[in-house]
Amino acid sequence: MGLPEFRGIAILLSLLGFAGIFWWAFTKRNTKRFDEASKLPFTEDESLEPNATDLNSTADKDAEK
């Protein structure tokens, strides 16, 4: 088996892999999950926002040192 046959097999496997991922991404079973994931950047996460009490307690600790 030479290099041309290896390249042909690699292209065929790559094409099958791409088609499989494409099919998986667009199945109806995954639609709801991907729709929710697409909205994640626009949701507000309260755990990431600093609280005023957290900022004050940090300032108090720095002042004590």
Protein backbone atom coordinates (compact mmCIF):
# COMPACT_ATOMS: atom_id res chain seq x y z
CA MET A 1 0.00 0.00 0.00
CA GLY A 2 1.58 3.20 -1.16
CA LEU A 3 1.15 6.83 -0.35
CA PRO A 4 -1.71 7.46 -2.84
CA GLU A 5 -3.82 4.70 -1.29
CA PHE A 6 -3.12 6.01 2.21
CA ARG A 7 -4.16 9.51 1.15
CA GLY A 8 -7.37 8.17 -0.39
CA ILE A 9 -8.26 6.27 2.78
CA ALA A 10 -7.46 9.33 4.93
CA ILE A 11 -9.71 11.54 2.77
CA LEU A 12 -12.51 8.97 2.91
CA LEU A 13 -12.27 8.68 6.72
CA SER A 14 -12.19 12.46 7.07
CA LEU A 15 -15.27 12.82 4.88
CA LEU A 16 -17.12 10.17 6.89
CA GLY A 17 -16.12 11.85 10.15
CA PHE A 18 -17.31 15.24 8.90
CA ALA A 19 -20.62 13.78 7.69
CA GLY A 20 -21.10 12.03 11.04
CA ILE A 21 -20.49 15.20 13.05
CA PHE A 22 -22.74 17.18 10.71
CA TRP A 23 -25.53 14.60 11.09
CA TRP A 24 -25.10 14.50 14.90
CA ALA A 25 -25.23 18.29 15.20
CA PHE A 26 -28.45 18.64 13.25
CA THR A 27 -30.50 15.77 14.67
CA LYS A 28 -33.71 16.80 16.39
CA ARG A 29 -32.55 15.14 19.60
CA ASN A 30 -29.79 17.76 20.07
CA THR A 31 -31.75 20.83 18.95
CA LYS A 32 -33.01 21.78 22.42
CA ARG A 33 -29.60 21.39 24.04
CA PHE A 34 -27.85 23.47 21.36
CA ASP A 35 -30.53 26.18 21.53
CA GLU A 36 -29.99 26.49 25.29
CA ALA A 37 -26.22 26.54 24.84
CA SER A 38 -26.46 29.28 22.22
CA LYS A 39 -28.19 31.56 24.75
CA LEU A 40 -25.59 31.08 27.53
CA PRO A 41 -23.47 34.14 26.66
CA PHE A 42 -26.52 36.38 27.07
CA THR A 43 -27.63 35.13 30.48
CA GLU A 44 -26.61 36.96 33.61
CA ASP A 45 -24.79 34.89 36.17
CA GLU A 46 -25.18 36.34 39.65
CA SER A 47 -22.32 34.30 41.04
CA LEU A 48 -19.84 36.17 38.84
CA GLU A 49 -20.94 39.65 39.89
CA PRO A 50 -19.04 41.11 42.85
CA ASN A 51 -21.10 41.97 45.89
CA ALA A 52 -20.63 45.25 47.71
CA THR A 53 -20.08 43.32 50.95
CA ASP A 54 -17.32 41.25 49.35
CA LEU A 55 -15.53 44.39 48.19
CA ASN A 56 -15.83 46.01 51.62
CA SER A 57 -14.61 42.95 53.45
CA THR A 58 -11.57 42.78 51.17
CA ALA A 59 -10.82 46.44 51.79
CA ASP A 60 -11.20 45.90 55.55
CA LYS A 61 -8.74 42.99 55.45
CA ASP A 62 -6.22 45.07 53.53
CA ALA A 63 -6.60 47.93 56.01
CA GLU A 64 -5.91 45.57 58.94
CA LYS A 65 -2.53 44.54 57.54
